[in-house]
Amino acid sequence: MQDRDDLLALHDKDQKVEENLSFKTLLTVYLAIFVTLVLFLPKIYITNQIYYLSRDIADLSGKRDVLFEENRELRLKLEKMRYKNQILDPIKLK
């Protein structure tokens, strides 16, 4: 019975001992976090820049398409005016 009590007392003593992180472990963890940030922050920044540039490109592309359509409409109007001026006006004069 005494042996059992001694073993339980030793076990309780071992359970109460706190184990803190050593300086080497802490330094290793901080170094790992720093390396991870150095590797991934530029990728995140570049990805964001590509996203915003592609948004701008899409916006400008949409505006370009609208301008092309306006240009086509204006050319049709101009062609109609030329036709009216060159073909229909000489016919009216005769």
PDB file of N, CA and C in Angstrom:
ATOM      1  N   MET A   1       0.827  -1.181   0.000  1.00  0.00           N
ATOM      2  CA  MET A   1       0.000   0.000   0.000  1.00  0.00           C
ATOM      3  C   MET A   1       0.880   1.257   0.000  1.00  0.00           C
ATOM      4  N   GLN A   2       1.953   1.200   0.712  1.00  0.00           N
ATOM      5  CA  GLN A   2       2.878   2.323   0.785  1.00  0.00           C
ATOM      6  C   GLN A   2       3.485   2.598  -0.583  1.00  0.00           C
ATOM      7  N   ASP A   3       3.802   1.540  -1.325  1.00  0.00           N
ATOM      8  CA  ASP A   3       4.384   1.705  -2.663  1.00  0.00           C
ATOM      9  C   ASP A   3       3.414   2.420  -3.601  1.00  0.00           C
ATOM     10  N   ARG A   4       2.185   2.015  -3.465  1.00  0.00           N
ATOM     11  CA  ARG A   4       1.161   2.628  -4.314  1.00  0.00           C
ATOM     12  C   ARG A   4       1.027   4.117  -4.008  1.00  0.00           C
ATOM     13  N   ASP A   5       1.021   4.489  -2.759  1.00  0.00           N
ATOM     14  CA  ASP A   5       0.930   5.891  -2.353  1.00  0.00           C
ATOM     15  C   ASP A   5       2.149   6.664  -2.827  1.00  0.00           C
ATOM     16  N   ASP A   6       3.333   6.032  -2.747  1.00  0.00           N
ATOM     17  CA  ASP A   6       4.548   6.690  -3.226  1.00  0.00           C
ATOM     18  C   ASP A   6       4.489   6.942  -4.731  1.00  0.00           C
ATOM     19  N   LEU A   7       4.012   5.935  -5.470  1.00  0.00           N
ATOM     20  CA  LEU A   7       3.883   6.093  -6.917  1.00  0.00           C
ATOM     21  C   LEU A   7       2.868   7.176  -7.273  1.00  0.00           C
ATOM     22  N   LEU A   8       1.772   7.220  -6.572  1.00  0.00           N
ATOM     23  CA  LEU A   8       0.764   8.263  -6.817  1.00  0.00           C
ATOM     24  C   LEU A   8       1.319   9.646  -6.481  1.00  0.00           C
ATOM     25  N   ALA A   9       2.089   9.733  -5.426  1.00  0.00           N
ATOM     26  CA  ALA A   9       2.686  11.017  -5.050  1.00  0.00           C
ATOM     27  C   ALA A   9       3.683  11.471  -6.119  1.00  0.00           C
ATOM     28  N   LEU A  10       4.494  10.548  -6.627  1.00  0.00           N
ATOM     29  CA  LEU A  10       5.435  10.890  -7.699  1.00  0.00           C
ATOM     30  C   LEU A  10       4.694  11.307  -8.969  1.00  0.00           C
ATOM     31  N   HIS A  11       3.649  10.593  -9.259  1.00  0.00           N
ATOM     32  CA  HIS A  11       2.851  10.915 -10.448  1.00  0.00           C
ATOM     33  C   HIS A  11       2.226  12.318 -10.316  1.00  0.00           C
ATOM     34  N   ASP A  12       1.696  12.617  -9.141  1.00  0.00           N
ATOM     35  CA  ASP A  12       1.104  13.944  -8.914  1.00  0.00           C
ATOM     36  C   ASP A  12       2.157  15.034  -9.027  1.00  0.00           C
ATOM     37  N   LYS A  13       3.369  14.758  -8.537  1.00  0.00           N
ATOM     38  CA  LYS A  13       4.459  15.715  -8.616  1.00  0.00           C
ATOM     39  C   LYS A  13       4.848  15.965 -10.070  1.00  0.00           C
ATOM     40  N   ASP A  14       4.887  14.895 -10.872  1.00  0.00           N
ATOM     41  CA  ASP A  14       5.220  15.040 -12.293  1.00  0.00           C
ATOM     42  C   ASP A  14       4.146  15.818 -13.043  1.00  0.00           C
ATOM     43  N   GLN A  15       2.912  15.643 -12.663  1.00  0.00           N
ATOM     44  CA  GLN A  15       1.814  16.335 -13.318  1.00  0.00           C
ATOM     45  C   GLN A  15       1.826  17.832 -13.023  1.00  0.00           C
ATOM     46  N   LYS A  16       2.336  18.212 -11.846  1.00  0.00           N
ATOM     47  CA  LYS A  16       2.334  19.612 -11.447  1.00  0.00           C
ATOM     48  C   LYS A  16       3.473  20.409 -12.065  1.00  0.00           C
ATOM     49  N   VAL A  17       4.484  19.748 -12.584  1.00  0.00           N
ATOM     50  CA  VAL A  17       5.625  20.446 -13.166  1.00  0.00           C
ATOM     51  C   VAL A  17       5.211  21.048 -14.501  1.00  0.00           C
ATOM     52  N   GLU A  18       5.447  22.368 -14.655  1.00  0.00           N
ATOM     53  CA  GLU A  18       5.099  23.046 -15.897  1.00  0.00           C
ATOM     54  C   GLU A  18       6.266  22.991 -16.855  1.00  0.00           C
ATOM     55  N   GLU A  19       5.942  22.759 -18.115  1.00  0.00           N
ATOM     56  CA  GLU A  19       6.978  22.756 -19.141  1.00  0.00           C
ATOM     57  C   GLU A  19       6.756  23.957 -20.038  1.00  0.00           C
ATOM     58  N   ASN A  20       7.687  24.893 -20.031  1.00  0.00           N
ATOM     59  CA  ASN A  20       7.596  26.082 -20.871  1.00  0.00           C
ATOM     60  C   ASN A  20       8.327  25.841 -22.188  1.00  0.00           C
ATOM     61  N   LEU A  21       8.029  26.683 -23.140  1.00  0.00           N
ATOM     62  CA  LEU A  21       8.728  26.588 -24.414  1.00  0.00           C
ATOM     63  C   LEU A  21      10.159  27.067 -24.248  1.00  0.00           C
ATOM     64  N   SER A  22      11.046  26.374 -24.889  1.00  0.00           N
ATOM     65  CA  SER A  22      12.435  26.817 -24.837  1.00  0.00           C
ATOM     66  C   SER A  22      12.631  27.945 -25.841  1.00  0.00           C
ATOM     67  N   PHE A  23      13.717  28.664 -25.680  1.00  0.00           N
ATOM     68  CA  PHE A  23      14.019  29.783 -26.574  1.00  0.00           C
ATOM     69  C   PHE A  23      14.210  29.293 -28.005  1.00  0.00           C
ATOM     70  N   LYS A  24      14.826  28.146 -28.158  1.00  0.00           N
ATOM     71  CA  LYS A  24      15.077  27.589 -29.490  1.00  0.00           C
ATOM     72  C   LYS A  24      13.763  27.254 -30.206  1.00  0.00           C
ATOM     73  N   THR A  25      12.825  26.673 -29.487  1.00  0.00           N
ATOM     74  CA  THR A  25      11.521  26.338 -30.077  1.00  0.00           C
ATOM     75  C   THR A  25      10.768  27.599 -30.474  1.00  0.00           C
ATOM     76  N   LEU A  26      10.788  28.580 -29.588  1.00  0.00           N
ATOM     77  CA  LEU A  26      10.114  29.842 -29.871  1.00  0.00           C
ATOM     78  C   LEU A  26      10.731  30.532 -31.079  1.00  0.00           C
ATOM     79  N   LEU A  27      12.047  30.535 -31.162  1.00  0.00           N
ATOM     80  CA  LEU A  27      12.744  31.134 -32.297  1.00  0.00           C
ATOM     81  C   LEU A  27      12.416  30.398 -33.592  1.00  0.00           C
ATOM     82  N   THR A  28      12.334  29.087 -33.522  1.00  0.00           N
ATOM     83  CA  THR A  28      11.987  28.286 -34.703  1.00  0.00           C
ATOM     84  C   THR A  28      10.580  28.616 -35.200  1.00  0.00           C
ATOM     85  N   VAL A  29       9.647  28.761 -34.292  1.00  0.00           N
ATOM     86  CA  VAL A  29       8.266  29.084 -34.667  1.00  0.00           C
ATOM     87  C   VAL A  29       8.200  30.473 -35.300  1.00  0.00           C
ATOM     88  N   TYR A  30       8.857  31.451 -34.684  1.00  0.00           N
ATOM     89  CA  TYR A  30       8.854  32.800 -35.261  1.00  0.00           C
ATOM     90  C   TYR A  30       9.529  32.829 -36.625  1.00  0.00           C
ATOM     91  N   LEU A  31      10.588  32.085 -36.774  1.00  0.00           N
ATOM     92  CA  LEU A  31      11.278  32.018 -38.062  1.00  0.00           C
ATOM     93  C   LEU A  31      10.381  31.381 -39.127  1.00  0.00           C
ATOM     94  N   ALA A  32       9.651  30.346 -38.759  1.00  0.00           N
ATOM     95  CA  ALA A  32       8.733  29.692 -39.702  1.00  0.00           C
ATOM     96  C   ALA A  32       7.624  30.654 -40.125  1.00  0.00           C
ATOM     97  N   ILE A  33       7.086  31.410 -39.181  1.00  0.00           N
ATOM     98  CA  ILE A  33       6.036  32.389 -39.502  1.00  0.00           C
ATOM     99  C   ILE A  33       6.584  33.471 -40.421  1.00  0.00           C
ATOM    100  N   PHE A  34       7.781  33.956 -40.140  1.00  0.00           N
ATOM    101  CA  PHE A  34       8.399  34.990 -40.958  1.00  0.00           C
ATOM    102  C   PHE A  34       8.636  34.487 -42.386  1.00  0.00           C
ATOM    103  N   VAL A  35       9.163  33.281 -42.530  1.00  0.00           N
ATOM    104  CA  VAL A  35       9.417  32.717 -43.861  1.00  0.00           C
ATOM    105  C   VAL A  35       8.106  32.546 -44.617  1.00  0.00           C
ATOM    106  N   THR A  36       7.075  32.090 -43.933  1.00  0.00           N
ATOM    107  CA  THR A  36       5.763  31.926 -44.566  1.00  0.00           C
ATOM    108  C   THR A  36       5.233  33.265 -45.059  1.00  0.00           C
ATOM    109  N   LEU A  37       5.350  34.296 -44.245  1.00  0.00           N
ATOM    110  CA  LEU A  37       4.885  35.626 -44.661  1.00  0.00           C
ATOM    111  C   LEU A  37       5.695  36.146 -45.843  1.00  0.00           C
ATOM    112  N   VAL A  38       7.005  35.943 -45.805  1.00  0.00           N
ATOM    113  CA  VAL A  38       7.852  36.411 -46.911  1.00  0.00           C
ATOM    114  C   VAL A  38       7.488  35.700 -48.210  1.00  0.00           C
ATOM    115  N   LEU A  39       7.114  34.446 -48.118  1.00  0.00           N
ATOM    116  CA  LEU A  39       6.766  33.700 -49.327  1.00  0.00           C
ATOM    117  C   LEU A  39       5.382  34.054 -49.864  1.00  0.00           C
ATOM    118  N   PHE A  40       4.407  34.236 -48.985  1.00  0.00           N
ATOM    119  CA  PHE A  40       3.030  34.377 -49.445  1.00  0.00           C
ATOM    120  C   PHE A  40       2.533  35.804 -49.599  1.00  0.00           C
ATOM    121  N   LEU A  41       3.093  36.771 -48.897  1.00  0.00           N
ATOM    122  CA  LEU A  41       2.620  38.154 -49.046  1.00  0.00           C
ATOM    123  C   LEU A  41       2.842  38.704 -50.458  1.00  0.00           C
ATOM    124  N   PRO A  42       3.997  38.483 -51.089  1.00  0.00           N
ATOM    125  CA  PRO A  42       4.135  38.966 -52.473  1.00  0.00           C
ATOM    126  C   PRO A  42       3.133  38.311 -53.428  1.00  0.00           C
ATOM    127  N   LYS A  43       2.868  37.040 -53.238  1.00  0.00           N
ATOM    128  CA  LYS A  43       1.893  36.357 -54.104  1.00  0.00           C
ATOM    129  C   LYS A  43       0.502  36.965 -53.932  1.00  0.00           C
ATOM    130  N   ILE A  44       0.120  37.236 -52.697  1.00  0.00           N
ATOM    131  CA  ILE A  44      -1.187  37.843 -52.437  1.00  0.00           C
ATOM    132  C   ILE A  44      -1.251  39.238 -53.053  1.00  0.00           C
ATOM    133  N   TYR A  45      -0.185  40.018 -52.917  1.00  0.00           N
ATOM    134  CA  TYR A  45      -0.148  41.366 -53.478  1.00  0.00           C
ATOM    135  C   TYR A  45      -0.258  41.316 -55.003  1.00  0.00           C
ATOM    136  N   ILE A  46       0.509  40.445 -55.627  1.00  0.00           N
ATOM    137  CA  ILE A  46       0.482  40.339 -57.093  1.00  0.00           C
ATOM    138  C   ILE A  46      -0.882  39.864 -57.572  1.00  0.00           C
ATOM    139  N   THR A  47      -1.473  38.910 -56.875  1.00  0.00           N
ATOM    140  CA  THR A  47      -2.806  38.429 -57.246  1.00  0.00           C
ATOM    141  C   THR A  47      -3.834  39.550 -57.171  1.00  0.00           C
ATOM    142  N   ASN A  48      -3.763  40.372 -56.122  1.00  0.00           N
ATOM    143  CA  ASN A  48      -4.696  41.502 -56.000  1.00  0.00           C
ATOM    144  C   ASN A  48      -4.481  42.508 -57.119  1.00  0.00           C
ATOM    145  N   GLN A  49      -3.233  42.788 -57.455  1.00  0.00           N
ATOM    146  CA  GLN A  49      -2.946  43.736 -58.526  1.00  0.00           C
ATOM    147  C   GLN A  49      -3.480  43.215 -59.866  1.00  0.00           C
ATOM    148  N   ILE A  50      -3.300  41.933 -60.121  1.00  0.00           N
ATOM    149  CA  ILE A  50      -3.822  41.347 -61.362  1.00  0.00           C
ATOM    150  C   ILE A  50      -5.334  41.453 -61.393  1.00  0.00           C
ATOM    151  N   TYR A  51      -5.986  41.206 -60.268  1.00  0.00           N
ATOM    152  CA  TYR A  51      -7.445  41.302 -60.209  1.00  0.00           C
ATOM    153  C   TYR A  51      -7.914  42.720 -60.544  1.00  0.00           C
ATOM    154  N   TYR A  52      -7.301  43.730 -59.910  1.00  0.00           N
ATOM    155  CA  TYR A  52      -7.734  45.100 -60.166  1.00  0.00           C
ATOM    156  C   TYR A  52      -7.418  45.541 -61.589  1.00  0.00           C
ATOM    157  N   LEU A  53      -6.291  45.111 -62.139  1.00  0.00           N
ATOM    158  CA  LEU A  53      -5.975  45.440 -63.529  1.00  0.00           C
ATOM    159  C   LEU A  53      -6.955  44.781 -64.486  1.00  0.00           C
ATOM    160  N   SER A  54      -7.323  43.544 -64.216  1.00  0.00           N
ATOM    161  CA  SER A  54      -8.271  42.870 -65.107  1.00  0.00           C
ATOM    162  C   SER A  54      -9.650  43.529 -65.035  1.00  0.00           C
ATOM    163  N   ARG A  55     -10.012  44.029 -63.848  1.00  0.00           N
ATOM    164  CA  ARG A  55     -11.273  44.777 -63.751  1.00  0.00           C
ATOM    165  C   ARG A  55     -11.223  46.034 -64.594  1.00  0.00           C
ATOM    166  N   ASP A  56     -10.099  46.753 -64.530  1.00  0.00           N
ATOM    167  CA  ASP A  56      -9.947  47.963 -65.335  1.00  0.00           C
ATOM    168  C   ASP A  56      -9.963  47.636 -66.824  1.00  0.00           C
ATOM    169  N   ILE A  57      -9.307  46.558 -67.202  1.00  0.00           N
ATOM    170  CA  ILE A  57      -9.281  46.150 -68.607  1.00  0.00           C
ATOM    171  C   ILE A  57     -10.678  45.798 -69.081  1.00  0.00           C
ATOM    172  N   ALA A  58     -11.436  45.088 -68.266  1.00  0.00           N
ATOM    173  CA  ALA A  58     -12.807  44.733 -68.644  1.00  0.00           C
ATOM    174  C   ALA A  58     -13.665  45.981 -68.799  1.00  0.00           C
ATOM    175  N   ASP A  59     -13.480  46.948 -67.900  1.00  0.00           N
ATOM    176  CA  ASP A  59     -14.238  48.199 -67.987  1.00  0.00           C
ATOM    177  C   ASP A  59     -13.885  48.954 -69.266  1.00  0.00           C
ATOM    178  N   LEU A  60     -12.592  49.072 -69.554  1.00  0.00           N
ATOM    179  CA  LEU A  60     -12.175  49.767 -70.771  1.00  0.00           C
ATOM    180  C   LEU A  60     -12.619  49.017 -72.022  1.00  0.00           C
ATOM    181  N   SER A  61     -12.614  47.698 -71.971  1.00  0.00           N
ATOM    182  CA  SER A  61     -13.063  46.907 -73.113  1.00  0.00           C
ATOM    183  C   SER A  61     -14.550  47.146 -73.384  1.00  0.00           C
ATOM    184  N   GLY A  62     -15.331  47.225 -72.330  1.00  0.00           N
ATOM    185  CA  GLY A  62     -16.758  47.518 -72.495  1.00  0.00           C
ATOM    186  C   GLY A  62     -16.983  48.895 -73.095  1.00  0.00           C
ATOM    187  N   LYS A  63     -16.213  49.880 -72.627  1.00  0.00           N
ATOM    188  CA  LYS A  63     -16.334  51.230 -73.185  1.00  0.00           C
ATOM    189  C   LYS A  63     -15.894  51.253 -74.647  1.00  0.00           C
ATOM    190  N   ARG A  64     -14.838  50.500 -74.980  1.00  0.00           N
ATOM    191  CA  ARG A  64     -14.373  50.435 -76.364  1.00  0.00           C
ATOM    192  C   ARG A  64     -15.450  49.844 -77.274  1.00  0.00           C
ATOM    193  N   ASP A  65     -16.119  48.795 -76.798  1.00  0.00           N
ATOM    194  CA  ASP A  65     -17.183  48.187 -77.599  1.00  0.00           C
ATOM    195  C   ASP A  65     -18.330  49.165 -77.845  1.00  0.00           C
ATOM    196  N   VAL A  66     -18.664  49.937 -76.818  1.00  0.00           N
ATOM    197  CA  VAL A  66     -19.721  50.941 -76.974  1.00  0.00           C
ATOM    198  C   VAL A  66     -19.295  51.991 -77.994  1.00  0.00           C
ATOM    199  N   LEU A  67     -18.034  52.424 -77.929  1.00  0.00           N
ATOM    200  CA  LEU A  67     -17.551  53.430 -78.883  1.00  0.00           C
ATOM    201  C   LEU A  67     -17.516  52.878 -80.309  1.00  0.00           C
ATOM    202  N   PHE A  68     -17.141  51.606 -80.464  1.00  0.00           N
ATOM    203  CA  PHE A  68     -17.176  50.998 -81.798  1.00  0.00           C
ATOM    204  C   PHE A  68     -18.606  50.984 -82.352  1.00  0.00           C
ATOM    205  N   GLU A  69     -19.554  50.683 -81.503  1.00  0.00           N
ATOM    206  CA  GLU A  69     -20.957  50.651 -81.943  1.00  0.00           C
ATOM    207  C   GLU A  69     -21.431  52.062 -82.308  1.00  0.00           C
ATOM    208  N   GLU A  70     -21.056  53.058 -81.507  1.00  0.00           N
ATOM    209  CA  GLU A  70     -21.406  54.438 -81.841  1.00  0.00           C
ATOM    210  C   GLU A  70     -20.764  54.856 -83.157  1.00  0.00           C
ATOM    211  N   ASN A  71     -19.531  54.460 -83.367  1.00  0.00           N
ATOM    212  CA  ASN A  71     -18.824  54.779 -84.599  1.00  0.00           C
ATOM    213  C   ASN A  71     -19.549  54.163 -85.810  1.00  0.00           C
ATOM    214  N   ARG A  72     -19.985  52.927 -85.650  1.00  0.00           N
ATOM    215  CA  ARG A  72     -20.714  52.269 -86.738  1.00  0.00           C
ATOM    216  C   ARG A  72     -22.013  53.013 -87.045  1.00  0.00           C
ATOM    217  N   GLU A  73     -22.726  53.408 -86.003  1.00  0.00           N
ATOM    218  CA  GLU A  73     -23.965  54.155 -86.201  1.00  0.00           C
ATOM    219  C   GLU A  73     -23.704  55.497 -86.888  1.00  0.00           C
ATOM    220  N   LEU A  74     -22.662  56.188 -86.463  1.00  0.00           N
ATOM    221  CA  LEU A  74     -22.335  57.477 -87.078  1.00  0.00           C
ATOM    222  C   LEU A  74     -21.922  57.310 -88.540  1.00  0.00           C
ATOM    223  N   ARG A  75     -21.202  56.249 -88.857  1.00  0.00           N
ATOM    224  CA  ARG A  75     -20.840  56.009 -90.259  1.00  0.00           C
ATOM    225  C   ARG A  75     -22.074  55.742 -91.120  1.00  0.00           C
ATOM    226  N   LEU A  76     -23.034  54.992 -90.554  1.00  0.00           N
ATOM    227  CA  LEU A  76     -24.280  54.755 -91.304  1.00  0.00           C
ATOM    228  C   LEU A  76     -25.023  56.071 -91.535  1.00  0.00           C
ATOM    229  N   LYS A  77     -25.084  56.929 -90.514  1.00  0.00           N
ATOM    230  CA  LYS A  77     -25.743  58.233 -90.675  1.00  0.00           C
ATOM    231  C   LYS A  77     -25.030  59.076 -91.730  1.00  0.00           C
ATOM    232  N   LEU A  78     -23.708  59.064 -91.679  1.00  0.00           N
ATOM    233  CA  LEU A  78     -22.925  59.817 -92.643  1.00  0.00           C
ATOM    234  C   LEU A  78     -23.154  59.291 -94.059  1.00  0.00           C
ATOM    235  N   GLU A  79     -23.199  57.978 -94.210  1.00  0.00           N
ATOM    236  CA  GLU A  79     -23.443  57.381 -95.524  1.00  0.00           C
ATOM    237  C   GLU A  79     -24.828  57.780 -96.049  1.00  0.00           C
ATOM    238  N   LYS A  80     -25.826  57.789 -95.172  1.00  0.00           N
ATOM    239  CA  LYS A  80     -27.169  58.208 -95.585  1.00  0.00           C
ATOM    240  C   LYS A  80     -27.171  59.676 -96.011  1.00  0.00           C
ATOM    241  N   MET A  81     -26.445  60.516 -95.262  1.00  0.00           N
ATOM    242  CA  MET A  81     -26.385  61.937 -95.613  1.00  0.00           C
ATOM    243  C   MET A  81     -25.654  62.141 -96.942  1.00  0.00           C
ATOM    244  N   ARG A  82     -24.591  61.391 -97.175  1.00  0.00           N
ATOM    245  CA  ARG A  82     -23.877  61.494 -98.446  1.00  0.00           C
ATOM    246  C   ARG A  82     -24.786  61.048 -99.599  1.00  0.00           C
ATOM    247  N   TYR A  83     -25.487  59.955 -99.380  1.00  0.00           N
ATOM    248  CA  TYR A  83     -26.397  59.469-100.415  1.00  0.00           C
ATOM    249  C   TYR A  83     -27.444  60.532-100.729  1.00  0.00           C
ATOM    250  N   LYS A  84     -27.997  61.110 -99.675  1.00  0.00           N
ATOM    251  CA  LYS A  84     -29.014  62.137 -99.877  1.00  0.00           C
ATOM    252  C   LYS A  84     -28.416  63.333-100.614  1.00  0.00           C
ATOM    253  N   ASN A  85     -27.210  63.734-100.242  1.00  0.00           N
ATOM    254  CA  ASN A  85     -26.574  64.892-100.839  1.00  0.00           C
ATOM    255  C   ASN A  85     -26.175  64.632-102.286  1.00  0.00           C
ATOM    256  N   GLN A  86     -25.603  63.480-102.582  1.00  0.00           N
ATOM    257  CA  GLN A  86     -25.065  63.216-103.914  1.00  0.00           C
ATOM    258  C   GLN A  86     -26.098  62.656-104.877  1.00  0.00           C
ATOM    259  N   ILE A  87     -27.019  61.882-104.408  1.00  0.00           N
ATOM    260  CA  ILE A  87     -27.962  61.216-105.307  1.00  0.00           C
ATOM    261  C   ILE A  87     -29.300  61.931-105.363  1.00  0.00           C
ATOM    262  N   LEU A  88     -29.858  62.193-104.239  1.00  0.00           N
ATOM    263  CA  LEU A  88     -31.227  62.736-104.233  1.00  0.00           C
ATOM    264  C   LEU A  88     -31.263  64.221-104.591  1.00  0.00           C
ATOM    265  N   ASP A  89     -30.303  65.036-104.152  1.00  0.00           N
ATOM    266  CA  ASP A  89     -30.339  66.469-104.463  1.00  0.00           C
ATOM    267  C   ASP A  89     -30.191  66.744-105.951  1.00  0.00           C
ATOM    268  N   PRO A  90     -29.310  66.110-106.691  1.00  0.00           N
ATOM    269  CA  PRO A  90     -29.246  66.378-108.136  1.00  0.00           C
ATOM    270  C   PRO A  90     -30.535  65.970-108.847  1.00  0.00           C
ATOM    271  N   ILE A  91     -31.200  64.956-108.372  1.00  0.00           N
ATOM    272  CA  ILE A  91     -32.464  64.532-108.991  1.00  0.00           C
ATOM    273  C   ILE A  91     -33.531  65.595-108.776  1.00  0.00           C
ATOM    274  N   LYS A  92     -33.558  66.223-107.638  1.00  0.00           N
ATOM    275  CA  LYS A  92     -34.559  67.258-107.339  1.00  0.00           C
ATOM    276  C   LYS A  92     -34.311  68.511-108.172  1.00  0.00           C
ATOM    277  N   LEU A  93     -33.061  68.806-108.510  1.00  0.00           N
ATOM    278  CA  LEU A  93     -32.755  70.010-109.279  1.00  0.00           C
ATOM    279  C   LEU A  93     -33.232  69.891-110.705  1.00  0.00           C
ATOM    280  N   LYS A  94     -33.334  68.725-111.239  1.00  0.00           N
ATOM    281  CA  LYS A  94     -33.719  68.569-112.649  1.00  0.00           C
ATOM    282  C   LYS A  94     -35.187  68.671-112.872  1.00  0.00           C
TER     283      LYS A  94
END
